[in-house]
C-alpha cells in the first residue's frame, strides 16, 4: 500500500504540472482513495465477499497504473482503451458491492450505504472511458 501512495502522489504531481487538476484528483483517487477505502470496509475476513474485496484492493495499483497512462496520451481510441482497464476493475468492485448488499440486506443502513457506493463506482469508470476517446472540441451543435 505504501508503494501505491508514493506512485499516486508522484503521478498526481506530474499530472498537476502537465495535464490538469482534474486528472491529478482522479489519479489520487485511483491510487490512494479506492484501495485504502476497500481495505477499511473489509474488516471481517470470515465473509467471502469481503475477502474478495480485500484482494481487489491489493491489485488496484496495477489497474491504476495502466489507466493513468490514458491521462498522458492524446485523446483517442488508445487512451480510451487504457481507461477501459479501470472500468473493468471498478465493475468488478461494483459486482462485489452488489453481492455484499445481497448478503447484508437493508437491515444495516451503514452497510447498505457502503454497498451502494461500491455499486456506483462503475459509473465513474464509465465516465472516465467516455471522456478519453474523443476531444471535447469535436462535439459541435448542428444549426
Protein backbone atom coordinates (compact mmCIF):
# COMPACT_ATOMS: atom_id res chain seq x y z
CA UNK A 1 0.00 0.00 0.00
CA UNK A 2 2.88 2.40 0.69
CA UNK A 3 4.05 1.95 -2.89
CA UNK A 4 0.58 2.81 -4.12
CA UNK A 5 0.61 6.04 -2.12
CA UNK A 6 4.05 7.02 -3.41
CA UNK A 7 3.16 6.28 -7.03
CA UNK A 8 -0.18 8.05 -6.67
CA UNK A 9 1.32 11.21 -5.22
CA UNK A 10 4.14 11.25 -7.79
CA UNK A 11 1.80 10.80 -10.75
CA UNK A 12 -0.65 13.33 -9.33
CA UNK A 13 2.07 15.96 -9.06
CA UNK A 14 3.19 15.22 -12.62
CA UNK A 15 -0.42 15.37 -13.82
CA UNK A 16 -0.94 18.63 -11.97
CA UNK A 17 2.07 20.15 -13.69
CA UNK A 18 1.46 18.82 -17.20
CA UNK A 19 -2.18 17.83 -17.61
CA UNK A 20 -4.52 19.45 -15.10
CA UNK A 21 -6.07 19.45 -11.67
CA UNK A 22 -8.95 17.14 -12.56
CA UNK A 23 -6.60 14.44 -13.80
CA UNK A 24 -4.46 14.85 -10.67
CA UNK A 25 -7.54 14.38 -8.46
CA UNK A 26 -8.56 11.29 -10.43
CA UNK A 27 -5.10 9.80 -10.05
CA UNK A 28 -5.17 10.42 -6.30
CA UNK A 29 -8.49 8.62 -6.06
CA UNK A 30 -7.27 5.70 -8.19
CA UNK A 31 -4.05 5.16 -6.27
CA UNK A 32 -4.99 6.20 -2.75
CA UNK A 33 -8.70 6.51 -2.00
CA UNK A 34 -10.12 3.42 -3.69
CA UNK A 35 -7.63 0.81 -2.41
CA UNK A 36 -7.49 2.23 1.11
CA UNK A 37 -11.23 2.55 1.48
CA UNK A 38 -11.67 -1.01 0.25
CA UNK A 39 -9.35 -2.19 3.00
CA UNK A 40 -11.17 -0.06 5.54
CA UNK A 41 -14.60 -1.52 4.80
CA UNK A 42 -13.49 -5.16 4.64
CA UNK A 43 -12.87 -5.84 8.30
CA UNK A 44 -14.42 -9.31 8.58
CA UNK A 45 -12.21 -11.97 6.92
CA UNK A 46 -14.89 -14.62 7.54
CA UNK A 47 -17.16 -13.18 4.87
CA UNK A 48 -16.21 -14.42 1.40
CA UNK A 49 -17.21 -11.21 -0.41
CA UNK A 50 -15.11 -9.13 1.98
CA UNK A 51 -12.11 -11.36 1.30
CA UNK A 52 -12.56 -10.78 -2.43
CA UNK A 53 -12.85 -7.02 -1.93
CA UNK A 54 -9.67 -7.04 0.14
CA UNK A 55 -7.89 -8.92 -2.66
CA UNK A 56 -9.06 -6.38 -5.20
CA UNK A 57 -7.58 -3.60 -3.07
CA UNK A 58 -4.14 -5.20 -3.37
CA UNK A 59 -4.21 -5.19 -7.19
CA UNK A 60 -5.64 -1.67 -7.50
CA UNK A 61 -2.22 -0.17 -8.16
CA UNK A 62 -1.68 -2.26 -11.29
CA UNK A 63 -5.03 -1.29 -12.76
CA UNK A 64 -4.44 2.35 -11.79
CA UNK A 65 -1.01 2.43 -13.45
CA UNK A 66 -2.46 1.17 -16.72
CA UNK A 67 -5.39 3.60 -16.52
CA UNK A 68 -3.13 6.54 -15.65
CA UNK A 69 -1.36 6.14 -18.99
CA UNK A 70 -4.58 7.38 -20.60
CA UNK A 71 -4.12 10.81 -18.99
CA UNK A 72 -0.74 11.33 -20.59
CA UNK A 73 -1.74 10.18 -24.08
CA UNK A 74 -3.53 12.38 -26.56
CA UNK A 75 -7.26 11.80 -26.54
CA UNK A 76 -8.20 8.99 -28.86
CA UNK A 77 -9.07 5.33 -29.04
CA UNK A 78 -5.79 4.20 -27.47
CA UNK A 79 -6.36 6.46 -24.44
CA UNK A 80 -9.89 5.08 -24.19
CA UNK A 81 -8.60 1.51 -24.16
CA UNK A 82 -6.18 2.30 -21.34
CA UNK A 83 -9.02 3.93 -19.38
CA UNK A 84 -11.23 0.88 -20.03
CA UNK A 85 -8.89 -1.15 -17.82
CA UNK A 86 -10.04 0.95 -14.85
CA UNK A 87 -13.65 0.42 -15.92
CA UNK A 88 -13.14 -3.34 -15.74
CA UNK A 89 -11.64 -3.01 -12.26
CA UNK A 90 -14.42 -0.83 -10.83
CA UNK A 91 -17.06 -3.03 -12.46
CA UNK A 92 -15.65 -5.97 -10.50
CA UNK A 93 -15.83 -3.85 -7.35
CA UNK A 94 -19.41 -2.87 -8.19
CA UNK A 95 -20.39 -6.51 -8.62
CA UNK A 96 -18.83 -7.37 -5.28
CA UNK A 97 -20.74 -4.46 -3.74
CA UNK A 98 -23.95 -5.96 -5.11
CA UNK A 99 -23.04 -9.33 -3.60
CA UNK A 100 -22.35 -7.65 -0.27
CA UNK A 101 -25.73 -5.95 -0.42
CA UNK A 102 -27.49 -9.24 -1.14
CA UNK A 103 -25.71 -10.76 1.84
CA UNK A 104 -26.45 -7.98 4.33
CA UNK A 105 -29.85 -6.85 3.04
CA UNK A 106 -31.20 -3.49 4.18
CA UNK A 107 -31.18 -4.24 7.92
CA UNK A 108 -27.91 -2.37 8.48
CA UNK A 109 -28.18 1.05 6.86
CA UNK A 110 -24.47 1.79 7.21
CA UNK A 111 -23.59 -1.32 5.22
CA UNK A 112 -26.25 -0.53 2.64
CA UNK A 113 -24.72 2.91 2.03
CA UNK A 114 -21.24 1.44 1.68
CA UNK A 115 -22.51 -1.21 -0.72
CA UNK A 116 -24.41 1.34 -2.79
CA UNK A 117 -21.28 3.44 -3.08
CA UNK A 118 -19.36 0.37 -4.28
CA UNK A 119 -22.06 -0.25 -6.87
CA UNK A 120 -21.78 3.37 -8.02
CA UNK A 121 -18.05 3.14 -8.81
CA UNK A 122 -18.60 1.71 -12.33
CA UNK A 123 -20.50 4.87 -13.26
CA UNK A 124 -17.34 6.90 -12.62
CA UNK A 125 -15.31 4.37 -14.59
CA UNK A 126 -17.72 4.67 -17.48
CA UNK A 127 -17.37 8.46 -17.49
CA UNK A 128 -13.60 8.12 -17.44
CA UNK A 129 -13.75 5.93 -20.54
CA UNK A 130 -16.27 8.24 -22.20
CA UNK A 131 -14.02 11.25 -21.65
CA UNK A 132 -10.85 9.78 -23.13
CA UNK A 133 -11.51 8.77 -26.75
CA UNK A 134 -12.82 11.97 -28.33
CA UNK A 135 -11.64 15.52 -27.76
CA UNK A 136 -14.41 17.68 -26.35
CA UNK A 137 -13.90 20.31 -29.04
CA UNK A 138 -15.10 17.88 -31.71
CA UNK A 139 -18.67 18.00 -30.42
CA UNK A 140 -20.49 20.62 -32.45
CA UNK A 141 -24.10 21.58 -32.41
CA UNK A 142 -25.61 21.48 -35.85
CA UNK A 143 -27.57 24.63 -36.67
